[in-house]
Amino acid sequence: MSTWLITGCSSGLGRSLAQAVLKQGDNAVVTARKLSAIQDIVDSYPDTA
């Protein structure tokens, strides 16, 4: 299991990459300017995001 640091996860490529990484079972440190923009990702993957 790898751990990724992904910036710009609120939209676009960053969001798509974060979702793909988490879906395959890796860990991801997801960042965005506003927590509310990525809260759904964190809620969907509470143990790995």
C-alpha atoms as a PDB file:
ATOM      1  CA  MET A   1       0.000   0.000   0.000  1.00  0.00           C
ATOM      2  CA  SER A   2       1.438   3.360  -1.065  1.00  0.00           C
ATOM      3  CA  THR A   3       0.757   6.769   0.407  1.00  0.00           C
ATOM      4  CA  TRP A   4       0.190   9.664  -1.982  1.00  0.00           C
ATOM      5  CA  LEU A   5       0.274  13.409  -1.352  1.00  0.00           C
ATOM      6  CA  ILE A   6      -2.186  14.970  -3.772  1.00  0.00           C
ATOM      7  CA  THR A   7      -2.811  18.706  -3.957  1.00  0.00           C
ATOM      8  CA  GLY A   8      -5.768  20.415  -5.567  1.00  0.00           C
ATOM      9  CA  CYS A   9      -8.279  17.695  -4.756  1.00  0.00           C
ATOM     10  CA  SER A  10     -11.310  19.957  -4.885  1.00  0.00           C
ATOM     11  CA  SER A  11     -11.706  19.569  -8.656  1.00  0.00           C
ATOM     12  CA  GLY A  12     -10.203  18.430 -11.917  1.00  0.00           C
ATOM     13  CA  LEU A  13      -7.208  16.170 -12.200  1.00  0.00           C
ATOM     14  CA  GLY A  14      -6.358  16.297  -8.488  1.00  0.00           C
ATOM     15  CA  ARG A  15      -9.838  15.145  -7.503  1.00  0.00           C
ATOM     16  CA  SER A  16      -9.885  12.381 -10.124  1.00  0.00           C
ATOM     17  CA  LEU A  17      -6.449  11.155  -9.089  1.00  0.00           C
ATOM     18  CA  ALA A  18      -7.380  11.143  -5.402  1.00  0.00           C
ATOM     19  CA  GLN A  19     -10.534   9.138  -6.060  1.00  0.00           C
ATOM     20  CA  ALA A  20      -8.666   6.614  -8.227  1.00  0.00           C
ATOM     21  CA  VAL A  21      -5.853   6.181  -5.689  1.00  0.00           C
ATOM     22  CA  LEU A  22      -8.276   5.709  -2.813  1.00  0.00           C
ATOM     23  CA  LYS A  23     -10.474   3.344  -4.821  1.00  0.00           C
ATOM     24  CA  GLN A  24      -7.514   1.025  -5.445  1.00  0.00           C
ATOM     25  CA  GLY A  25      -6.833   0.898  -1.695  1.00  0.00           C
ATOM     26  CA  ASP A  26      -3.851   3.212  -1.299  1.00  0.00           C
ATOM     27  CA  ASN A  27      -3.614   5.992   1.281  1.00  0.00           C
ATOM     28  CA  ALA A  28      -3.866   9.608   0.177  1.00  0.00           C
ATOM     29  CA  VAL A  29      -3.193  12.913   1.854  1.00  0.00           C
ATOM     30  CA  VAL A  30      -5.757  15.059   0.071  1.00  0.00           C
ATOM     31  CA  THR A  31      -5.471  18.837   0.145  1.00  0.00           C
ATOM     32  CA  ALA A  32      -7.632  21.741  -0.956  1.00  0.00           C
ATOM     33  CA  ARG A  33      -8.066  25.381  -0.032  1.00  0.00           C
ATOM     34  CA  LYS A  34     -11.471  24.659   1.512  1.00  0.00           C
ATOM     35  CA  LEU A  35     -12.131  21.540   3.558  1.00  0.00           C
ATOM     36  CA  SER A  36     -15.760  21.566   2.471  1.00  0.00           C
ATOM     37  CA  ALA A  37     -14.654  20.931  -1.124  1.00  0.00           C
ATOM     38  CA  ILE A  38     -13.092  17.561  -0.234  1.00  0.00           C
ATOM     39  CA  GLN A  39     -15.188  16.535   2.764  1.00  0.00           C
ATOM     40  CA  ASP A  40     -17.092  14.006   0.624  1.00  0.00           C
ATOM     41  CA  ILE A  41     -13.825  12.253  -0.280  1.00  0.00           C
ATOM     42  CA  VAL A  42     -12.753  12.127   3.357  1.00  0.00           C
ATOM     43  CA  ASP A  43     -16.172  10.814   4.397  1.00  0.00           C
ATOM     44  CA  SER A  44     -16.086   8.123   1.701  1.00  0.00           C
ATOM     45  CA  TYR A  45     -12.602   6.907   2.687  1.00  0.00           C
ATOM     46  CA  PRO A  46     -12.252   7.671   6.410  1.00  0.00           C
ATOM     47  CA  ASP A  47      -9.404   5.205   7.027  1.00  0.00           C
ATOM     48  CA  THR A  48      -7.254   6.073   4.021  1.00  0.00           C
ATOM     49  CA  ALA A  49      -7.902   9.749   3.210  1.00  0.00           C
END
